[in-house]
Amino acid sequence: MNTEVIEYLAGAIVGVVVIVMVINILTLPFQLLFKLIINSVIGAIMLYVINMVGLIAIKITFIHCFIAGTFGVPGVIGLVIYTLAFKN
């Protein structure tokens, strides 16, 4: 094979690898944002269920949803304790 052909092939391979790496780096923030939104929605659902039971009323705000979605059940328990201790 001619050395020019080998250089073009090597350049094309490196170019494809660089493009794939850049695409992976650019899609990472969108994946994290999507996960954050899904967790916040799950947190809102958990808070809604807590409010439907009627033992305690926790306002469904973005911060509360974020805490409940990020930390899960311990986050909801923390919000309940916070509400009982400081909001009454």
PDB file of N, CA and C in Angstrom:
ATOM      1  N   MET A   1       0.835  -1.186   0.000  1.00  0.00           N
ATOM      2  CA  MET A   1       0.000   0.000   0.000  1.00  0.00           C
ATOM      3  C   MET A   1       0.878   1.247   0.000  1.00  0.00           C
ATOM      4  N   ASN A   2       0.309   2.247  -0.527  1.00  0.00           N
ATOM      5  CA  ASN A   2       0.983   3.528  -0.593  1.00  0.00           C
ATOM      6  C   ASN A   2       0.934   4.198   0.783  1.00  0.00           C
ATOM      7  N   THR A   3       1.980   4.944   1.140  1.00  0.00           N
ATOM      8  CA  THR A   3       2.019   5.581   2.455  1.00  0.00           C
ATOM      9  C   THR A   3       0.957   6.664   2.599  1.00  0.00           C
ATOM     10  N   GLU A   4       0.584   7.287   1.485  1.00  0.00           N
ATOM     11  CA  GLU A   4      -0.474   8.299   1.557  1.00  0.00           C
ATOM     12  C   GLU A   4      -1.809   7.684   1.939  1.00  0.00           C
ATOM     13  N   VAL A   5      -2.091   6.501   1.416  1.00  0.00           N
ATOM     14  CA  VAL A   5      -3.345   5.815   1.736  1.00  0.00           C
ATOM     15  C   VAL A   5      -3.365   5.446   3.212  1.00  0.00           C
ATOM     16  N   ILE A   6      -2.231   4.973   3.715  1.00  0.00           N
ATOM     17  CA  ILE A   6      -2.148   4.613   5.139  1.00  0.00           C
ATOM     18  C   ILE A   6      -2.347   5.853   6.009  1.00  0.00           C
ATOM     19  N   GLU A   7      -1.758   6.983   5.614  1.00  0.00           N
ATOM     20  CA  GLU A   7      -1.929   8.216   6.378  1.00  0.00           C
ATOM     21  C   GLU A   7      -3.380   8.684   6.363  1.00  0.00           C
ATOM     22  N   TYR A   8      -4.044   8.584   5.221  1.00  0.00           N
ATOM     23  CA  TYR A   8      -5.456   8.972   5.142  1.00  0.00           C
ATOM     24  C   TYR A   8      -6.322   8.057   6.005  1.00  0.00           C
ATOM     25  N   LEU A   9      -6.073   6.764   5.975  1.00  0.00           N
ATOM     26  CA  LEU A   9      -6.833   5.820   6.797  1.00  0.00           C
ATOM     27  C   LEU A   9      -6.616   6.090   8.289  1.00  0.00           C
ATOM     28  N   ALA A  10      -5.350   6.328   8.664  1.00  0.00           N
ATOM     29  CA  ALA A  10      -5.056   6.621  10.071  1.00  0.00           C
ATOM     30  C   ALA A  10      -5.744   7.919  10.502  1.00  0.00           C
ATOM     31  N   GLY A  11      -5.710   8.918   9.645  1.00  0.00           N
ATOM     32  CA  GLY A  11      -6.382  10.187   9.960  1.00  0.00           C
ATOM     33  C   GLY A  11      -7.881  10.028  10.080  1.00  0.00           C
ATOM     34  N   ALA A  12      -8.463   9.214   9.204  1.00  0.00           N
ATOM     35  CA  ALA A  12      -9.908   8.976   9.264  1.00  0.00           C
ATOM     36  C   ALA A  12     -10.287   8.249  10.543  1.00  0.00           C
ATOM     37  N   ILE A  13      -9.479   7.258  10.932  1.00  0.00           N
ATOM     38  CA  ILE A  13      -9.763   6.501  12.163  1.00  0.00           C
ATOM     39  C   ILE A  13      -9.659   7.415  13.377  1.00  0.00           C
ATOM     40  N   VAL A  14      -8.611   8.224  13.425  1.00  0.00           N
ATOM     41  CA  VAL A  14      -8.456   9.157  14.547  1.00  0.00           C
ATOM     42  C   VAL A  14      -9.608  10.163  14.561  1.00  0.00           C
ATOM     43  N   GLY A  15     -10.018  10.631  13.406  1.00  0.00           N
ATOM     44  CA  GLY A  15     -11.131  11.570  13.325  1.00  0.00           C
ATOM     45  C   GLY A  15     -12.429  10.978  13.838  1.00  0.00           C
ATOM     46  N   VAL A  16     -12.708   9.734  13.468  1.00  0.00           N
ATOM     47  CA  VAL A  16     -13.921   9.064  13.936  1.00  0.00           C
ATOM     48  C   VAL A  16     -13.878   8.876  15.445  1.00  0.00           C
ATOM     49  N   VAL A  17     -12.715   8.483  15.974  1.00  0.00           N
ATOM     50  CA  VAL A  17     -12.584   8.300  17.426  1.00  0.00           C
ATOM     51  C   VAL A  17     -12.801   9.621  18.149  1.00  0.00           C
ATOM     52  N   VAL A  18     -12.246  10.703  17.634  1.00  0.00           N
ATOM     53  CA  VAL A  18     -12.409  12.016  18.269  1.00  0.00           C
ATOM     54  C   VAL A  18     -13.872  12.450  18.219  1.00  0.00           C
ATOM     55  N   ILE A  19     -14.538  12.239  17.105  1.00  0.00           N
ATOM     56  CA  ILE A  19     -15.958  12.609  16.987  1.00  0.00           C
ATOM     57  C   ILE A  19     -16.801  11.821  17.972  1.00  0.00           C
ATOM     58  N   VAL A  20     -16.540  10.529  18.119  1.00  0.00           N
ATOM     59  CA  VAL A  20     -17.297   9.702  19.065  1.00  0.00           C
ATOM     60  C   VAL A  20     -17.058  10.183  20.493  1.00  0.00           C
ATOM     61  N   MET A  21     -15.823  10.521  20.820  1.00  0.00           N
ATOM     62  CA  MET A  21     -15.521  11.003  22.169  1.00  0.00           C
ATOM     63  C   MET A  21     -16.219  12.332  22.447  1.00  0.00           C
ATOM     64  N   VAL A  22     -16.223  13.230  21.493  1.00  0.00           N
ATOM     65  CA  VAL A  22     -16.880  14.533  21.674  1.00  0.00           C
ATOM     66  C   VAL A  22     -18.382  14.353  21.849  1.00  0.00           C
ATOM     67  N   ILE A  23     -18.976  13.470  21.062  1.00  0.00           N
ATOM     68  CA  ILE A  23     -20.420  13.217  21.192  1.00  0.00           C
ATOM     69  C   ILE A  23     -20.739  12.653  22.564  1.00  0.00           C
ATOM     70  N   ASN A  24     -19.912  11.725  23.060  1.00  0.00           N
ATOM     71  CA  ASN A  24     -20.140  11.161  24.396  1.00  0.00           C
ATOM     72  C   ASN A  24     -20.007  12.222  25.477  1.00  0.00           C
ATOM     73  N   ILE A  25     -19.049  13.107  25.343  1.00  0.00           N
ATOM     74  CA  ILE A  25     -18.857  14.166  26.336  1.00  0.00           C
ATOM     75  C   ILE A  25     -20.029  15.154  26.309  1.00  0.00           C
ATOM     76  N   LEU A  26     -20.540  15.468  25.124  1.00  0.00           N
ATOM     77  CA  LEU A  26     -21.641  16.431  25.029  1.00  0.00           C
ATOM     78  C   LEU A  26     -22.976  15.852  25.491  1.00  0.00           C
ATOM     79  N   THR A  27     -23.182  14.541  25.372  1.00  0.00           N
ATOM     80  CA  THR A  27     -24.451  13.958  25.789  1.00  0.00           C
ATOM     81  C   THR A  27     -24.502  13.678  27.281  1.00  0.00           C
ATOM     82  N   LEU A  28     -23.370  13.671  27.962  1.00  0.00           N
ATOM     83  CA  LEU A  28     -23.353  13.384  29.400  1.00  0.00           C
ATOM     84  C   LEU A  28     -24.188  14.379  30.209  1.00  0.00           C
ATOM     85  N   PRO A  29     -24.074  15.702  30.001  1.00  0.00           N
ATOM     86  CA  PRO A  29     -24.911  16.621  30.780  1.00  0.00           C
ATOM     87  C   PRO A  29     -26.410  16.405  30.555  1.00  0.00           C
ATOM     88  N   PHE A  30     -26.804  16.039  29.337  1.00  0.00           N
ATOM     89  CA  PHE A  30     -28.216  15.792  29.072  1.00  0.00           C
ATOM     90  C   PHE A  30     -28.698  14.549  29.808  1.00  0.00           C
ATOM     91  N   GLN A  31     -27.853  13.534  29.918  1.00  0.00           N
ATOM     92  CA  GLN A  31     -28.221  12.339  30.665  1.00  0.00           C
ATOM     93  C   GLN A  31     -28.391  12.667  32.142  1.00  0.00           C
ATOM     94  N   LEU A  32     -27.479  13.480  32.685  1.00  0.00           N
ATOM     95  CA  LEU A  32     -27.590  13.873  34.088  1.00  0.00           C
ATOM     96  C   LEU A  32     -28.824  14.726  34.329  1.00  0.00           C
ATOM     97  N   LEU A  33     -29.117  15.635  33.412  1.00  0.00           N
ATOM     98  CA  LEU A  33     -30.305  16.475  33.537  1.00  0.00           C
ATOM     99  C   LEU A  33     -31.573  15.637  33.478  1.00  0.00           C
ATOM    100  N   PHE A  34     -31.618  14.666  32.564  1.00  0.00           N
ATOM    101  CA  PHE A  34     -32.774  13.792  32.453  1.00  0.00           C
ATOM    102  C   PHE A  34     -32.962  12.981  33.736  1.00  0.00           C
ATOM    103  N   LYS A  35     -31.866  12.480  34.310  1.00  0.00           N
ATOM    104  CA  LYS A  35     -31.949  11.727  35.561  1.00  0.00           C
ATOM    105  C   LYS A  35     -32.440  12.619  36.703  1.00  0.00           C
ATOM    106  N   LEU A  36     -31.979  13.856  36.738  1.00  0.00           N
ATOM    107  CA  LEU A  36     -32.416  14.797  37.766  1.00  0.00           C
ATOM    108  C   LEU A  36     -33.913  15.074  37.647  1.00  0.00           C
ATOM    109  N   ILE A  37     -34.410  15.245  36.438  1.00  0.00           N
ATOM    110  CA  ILE A  37     -35.838  15.502  36.232  1.00  0.00           C
ATOM    111  C   ILE A  37     -36.666  14.292  36.638  1.00  0.00           C
ATOM    112  N   ILE A  38     -36.238  13.106  36.248  1.00  0.00           N
ATOM    113  CA  ILE A  38     -36.972  11.883  36.611  1.00  0.00           C
ATOM    114  C   ILE A  38     -37.000  11.711  38.124  1.00  0.00           C
ATOM    115  N   ASN A  39     -35.866  11.916  38.797  1.00  0.00           N
ATOM    116  CA  ASN A  39     -35.829  11.789  40.251  1.00  0.00           C
ATOM    117  C   ASN A  39     -36.715  12.827  40.930  1.00  0.00           C
ATOM    118  N   SER A  40     -36.777  14.022  40.401  1.00  0.00           N
ATOM    119  CA  SER A  40     -37.639  15.051  40.983  1.00  0.00           C
ATOM    120  C   SER A  40     -39.113  14.688  40.831  1.00  0.00           C
ATOM    121  N   VAL A  41     -39.480  14.112  39.702  1.00  0.00           N
ATOM    122  CA  VAL A  41     -40.868  13.679  39.502  1.00  0.00           C
ATOM    123  C   VAL A  41     -41.211  12.555  40.476  1.00  0.00           C
ATOM    124  N   ILE A  42     -40.302  11.620  40.669  1.00  0.00           N
ATOM    125  CA  ILE A  42     -40.540  10.538  41.630  1.00  0.00           C
ATOM    126  C   ILE A  42     -40.666  11.107  43.040  1.00  0.00           C
ATOM    127  N   GLY A  43     -39.846  12.093  43.367  1.00  0.00           N
ATOM    128  CA  GLY A  43     -39.947  12.749  44.672  1.00  0.00           C
ATOM    129  C   GLY A  43     -41.284  13.444  44.850  1.00  0.00           C
ATOM    130  N   ALA A  44     -41.778  14.098  43.799  1.00  0.00           N
ATOM    131  CA  ALA A  44     -43.086  14.748  43.871  1.00  0.00           C
ATOM    132  C   ALA A  44     -44.190  13.726  44.096  1.00  0.00           C
ATOM    133  N   ILE A  45     -44.083  12.590  43.454  1.00  0.00           N
ATOM    134  CA  ILE A  45     -45.088  11.531  43.649  1.00  0.00           C
ATOM    135  C   ILE A  45     -45.048  11.025  45.077  1.00  0.00           C
ATOM    136  N   MET A  46     -43.841  10.832  45.630  1.00  0.00           N
ATOM    137  CA  MET A  46     -43.740  10.379  47.020  1.00  0.00           C
ATOM    138  C   MET A  46     -44.340  11.414  47.978  1.00  0.00           C
ATOM    139  N   LEU A  47     -44.072  12.693  47.732  1.00  0.00           N
ATOM    140  CA  LEU A  47     -44.638  13.735  48.593  1.00  0.00           C
ATOM    141  C   LEU A  47     -46.152  13.810  48.443  1.00  0.00           C
ATOM    142  N   TYR A  48     -46.652  13.605  47.230  1.00  0.00           N
ATOM    143  CA  TYR A  48     -48.095  13.600  47.005  1.00  0.00           C
ATOM    144  C   TYR A  48     -48.756  12.465  47.795  1.00  0.00           C
ATOM    145  N   VAL A  49     -48.126  11.299  47.794  1.00  0.00           N
ATOM    146  CA  VAL A  49     -48.664  10.160  48.550  1.00  0.00           C
ATOM    147  C   VAL A  49     -48.657  10.466  50.046  1.00  0.00           C
ATOM    148  N   ILE A  50     -47.585  11.096  50.531  1.00  0.00           N
ATOM    149  CA  ILE A  50     -47.515  11.478  51.950  1.00  0.00           C
ATOM    150  C   ILE A  50     -48.659  12.444  52.275  1.00  0.00           C
ATOM    151  N   ASN A  51     -48.910  13.392  51.390  1.00  0.00           N
ATOM    152  CA  ASN A  51     -49.986  14.360  51.624  1.00  0.00           C
ATOM    153  C   ASN A  51     -51.352  13.692  51.556  1.00  0.00           C
ATOM    154  N   MET A  52     -51.512  12.693  50.709  1.00  0.00           N
ATOM    155  CA  MET A  52     -52.801  12.004  50.593  1.00  0.00           C
ATOM    156  C   MET A  52     -53.114  11.182  51.836  1.00  0.00           C
ATOM    157  N   VAL A  53     -52.084  10.653  52.481  1.00  0.00           N
ATOM    158  CA  VAL A  53     -52.302   9.890  53.713  1.00  0.00           C
ATOM    159  C   VAL A  53     -52.873  10.809  54.776  1.00  0.00           C
ATOM    160  N   GLY A  54     -52.441  12.042  54.814  1.00  0.00           N
ATOM    161  CA  GLY A  54     -53.044  13.042  55.678  1.00  0.00           C
ATOM    162  C   GLY A  54     -52.397  13.195  57.037  1.00  0.00           C
ATOM    163  N   LEU A  55     -51.336  12.463  57.308  1.00  0.00           N
ATOM    164  CA  LEU A  55     -50.685  12.611  58.606  1.00  0.00           C
ATOM    165  C   LEU A  55     -49.933  13.927  58.725  1.00  0.00           C
ATOM    166  N   ILE A  56     -49.383  14.375  57.619  1.00  0.00           N
ATOM    167  CA  ILE A  56     -48.608  15.601  57.608  1.00  0.00           C
ATOM    168  C   ILE A  56     -48.765  16.244  56.233  1.00  0.00           C
ATOM    169  N   ALA A  57     -48.714  17.563  56.194  1.00  0.00           N
ATOM    170  CA  ALA A  57     -48.836  18.283  54.924  1.00  0.00           C
ATOM    171  C   ALA A  57     -47.484  18.910  54.589  1.00  0.00           C
ATOM    172  N   ILE A  58     -46.880  18.416  53.526  1.00  0.00           N
ATOM    173  CA  ILE A  58     -45.615  18.958  53.047  1.00  0.00           C
ATOM    174  C   ILE A  58     -45.888  19.613  51.701  1.00  0.00           C
ATOM    175  N   LYS A  59     -45.497  20.878  51.570  1.00  0.00           N
ATOM    176  CA  LYS A  59     -45.689  21.558  50.295  1.00  0.00           C
ATOM    177  C   LYS A  59     -44.826  20.888  49.225  1.00  0.00           C
ATOM    178  N   ILE A  60     -45.390  20.753  48.047  1.00  0.00           N
ATOM    179  CA  ILE A  60     -44.649  20.156  46.945  1.00  0.00           C
ATOM    180  C   ILE A  60     -43.993  21.296  46.158  1.00  0.00           C
ATOM    181  N   THR A  61     -42.733  21.554  46.497  1.00  0.00           N
ATOM    182  CA  THR A  61     -41.941  22.562  45.794  1.00  0.00           C
ATOM    183  C   THR A  61     -40.815  21.863  45.056  1.00  0.00           C
ATOM    184  N   PHE A  62     -40.130  22.624  44.209  1.00  0.00           N
ATOM    185  CA  PHE A  62     -39.026  22.023  43.472  1.00  0.00           C
ATOM    186  C   PHE A  62     -37.932  21.522  44.408  1.00  0.00           C
ATOM    187  N   ILE A  63     -37.630  22.296  45.441  1.00  0.00           N
ATOM    188  CA  ILE A  63     -36.582  21.901  46.386  1.00  0.00           C
ATOM    189  C   ILE A  63     -36.975  20.627  47.124  1.00  0.00           C
ATOM    190  N   HIS A  64     -38.206  20.560  47.597  1.00  0.00           N
ATOM    191  CA  HIS A  64     -38.659  19.348  48.286  1.00  0.00           C
ATOM    192  C   HIS A  64     -38.645  18.143  47.356  1.00  0.00           C
ATOM    193  N   CYS A  65     -39.086  18.333  46.127  1.00  0.00           N
ATOM    194  CA  CYS A  65     -39.060  17.232  45.148  1.00  0.00           C
ATOM    195  C   CYS A  65     -37.637  16.794  44.852  1.00  0.00           C
ATOM    196  N   PHE A  66     -36.738  17.763  44.752  1.00  0.00           N
ATOM    197  CA  PHE A  66     -35.341  17.440  44.491  1.00  0.00           C
ATOM    198  C   PHE A  66     -34.739  16.644  45.640  1.00  0.00           C
ATOM    199  N   ILE A  67     -35.019  17.060  46.871  1.00  0.00           N
ATOM    200  CA  ILE A  67     -34.505  16.338  48.042  1.00  0.00           C
ATOM    201  C   ILE A  67     -35.081  14.930  48.088  1.00  0.00           C
ATOM    202  N   ALA A  68     -36.393  14.806  47.906  1.00  0.00           N
ATOM    203  CA  ALA A  68     -37.032  13.492  47.957  1.00  0.00           C
ATOM    204  C   ALA A  68     -36.565  12.605  46.801  1.00  0.00           C
ATOM    205  N   GLY A  69     -36.397  13.174  45.633  1.00  0.00           N
ATOM    206  CA  GLY A  69     -35.966  12.383  44.485  1.00  0.00           C
ATOM    207  C   GLY A  69     -34.509  11.986  44.558  1.00  0.00           C
ATOM    208  N   THR A  70     -33.666  12.860  45.067  1.00  0.00           N
ATOM    209  CA  THR A  70     -32.241  12.573  45.138  1.00  0.00           C
ATOM    210  C   THR A  70     -31.928  11.577  46.249  1.00  0.00           C
ATOM    211  N   PHE A  71     -32.515  11.775  47.412  1.00  0.00           N
ATOM    212  CA  PHE A  71     -32.178  10.933  48.548  1.00  0.00           C
ATOM    213  C   PHE A  71     -33.157   9.795  48.771  1.00  0.00           C
ATOM    214  N   GLY A  72     -34.261   9.790  48.055  1.00  0.00           N
ATOM    215  CA  GLY A  72     -35.218   8.691  48.160  1.00  0.00           C
ATOM    216  C   GLY A  72     -35.996   8.733  49.464  1.00  0.00           C
ATOM    217  N   VAL A  73     -36.225   7.555  50.028  1.00  0.00           N
ATOM    218  CA  VAL A  73     -37.012   7.441  51.259  1.00  0.00           C
ATOM    219  C   VAL A  73     -36.345   8.188  52.418  1.00  0.00           C
ATOM    220  N   PRO A  74     -35.006   8.100  52.608  1.00  0.00           N
ATOM    221  CA  PRO A  74     -34.408   8.907  53.686  1.00  0.00           C
ATOM    222  C   PRO A  74     -34.638  10.406  53.506  1.00  0.00           C
ATOM    223  N   GLY A  75     -34.673  10.880  52.270  1.00  0.00           N
ATOM    224  CA  GLY A  75     -34.960  12.285  52.022  1.00  0.00           C
ATOM    225  C   GLY A  75     -36.375  12.659  52.416  1.00  0.00           C
ATOM    226  N   VAL A  76     -37.326  11.782  52.118  1.00  0.00           N
ATOM    227  CA  VAL A  76     -38.723  12.029  52.510  1.00  0.00           C
ATOM    228  C   VAL A  76     -38.843  12.013  54.029  1.00  0.00           C
ATOM    229  N   ILE A  77     -38.185  11.070  54.684  1.00  0.00           N
ATOM    230  CA  ILE A  77     -38.213  11.017  56.148  1.00  0.00           C
ATOM    231  C   ILE A  77     -37.590  12.290  56.725  1.00  0.00           C
ATOM    232  N   GLY A  78     -36.500  12.756  56.113  1.00  0.00           N
ATOM    233  CA  GLY A  78     -35.888  14.003  56.556  1.00  0.00           C
ATOM    234  C   GLY A  78     -36.815  15.193  56.397  1.00  0.00           C
ATOM    235  N   LEU A  79     -37.546  15.233  55.285  1.00  0.00           N
ATOM    236  CA  LEU A  79     -38.517  16.319  55.086  1.00  0.00           C
ATOM    237  C   LEU A  79     -39.654  16.254  56.100  1.00  0.00           C
ATOM    238  N   VAL A  80     -40.100  15.050  56.417  1.00  0.00           N
ATOM    239  CA  VAL A  80     -41.161  14.894  57.428  1.00  0.00           C
ATOM    240  C   VAL A  80     -40.658  15.380  58.784  1.00  0.00           C
ATOM    241  N   ILE A  81     -39.455  14.982  59.158  1.00  0.00           N
ATOM    242  CA  ILE A  81     -38.887  15.409  60.441  1.00  0.00           C
ATOM    243  C   ILE A  81     -38.700  16.922  60.453  1.00  0.00           C
ATOM    244  N   TYR A  82     -38.190  17.480  59.355  1.00  0.00           N
ATOM    245  CA  TYR A  82     -38.011  18.924  59.264  1.00  0.00           C
ATOM    246  C   TYR A  82     -39.335  19.646  59.402  1.00  0.00           C
ATOM    247  N   THR A  83     -40.369  19.141  58.722  1.00  0.00           N
ATOM    248  CA  THR A  83     -41.671  19.777  58.771  1.00  0.00           C
ATOM    249  C   THR A  83     -42.258  19.702  60.184  1.00  0.00           C
ATOM    250  N   LEU A  84     -42.135  18.555  60.822  1.00  0.00           N
ATOM    251  CA  LEU A  84     -42.655  18.407  62.175  1.00  0.00           C
ATOM    252  C   LEU A  84     -41.900  19.266  63.171  1.00  0.00           C
ATOM    253  N   ALA A  85     -40.579  19.380  63.022  1.00  0.00           N
ATOM    254  CA  ALA A  85     -39.769  20.077  64.000  1.00  0.00           C
ATOM    255  C   ALA A  85     -39.806  21.596  63.831  1.00  0.00           C
ATOM    256  N   PHE A  86     -39.801  22.075  62.591  1.00  0.00           N
ATOM    257  CA  PHE A  86     -39.616  23.505  62.393  1.00  0.00           C
ATOM    258  C   PHE A  86     -40.814  24.243  61.829  1.00  0.00           C
ATOM    259  N   LYS A  87     -41.770  23.574  61.291  1.00  0.00           N
ATOM    260  CA  LYS A  87     -42.899  24.266  60.670  1.00  0.00           C
ATOM    261  C   LYS A  87     -44.099  24.391  61.592  1.00  0.00           C
ATOM    262  N   ASN A  88     -44.079  23.770  62.727  1.00  0.00           N
ATOM    263  CA  ASN A  88     -45.231  23.852  63.654  1.00  0.00           C
ATOM    264  C   ASN A  88     -45.018  24.897  64.699  1.00  0.00           C
TER     265      ASN A  88
END
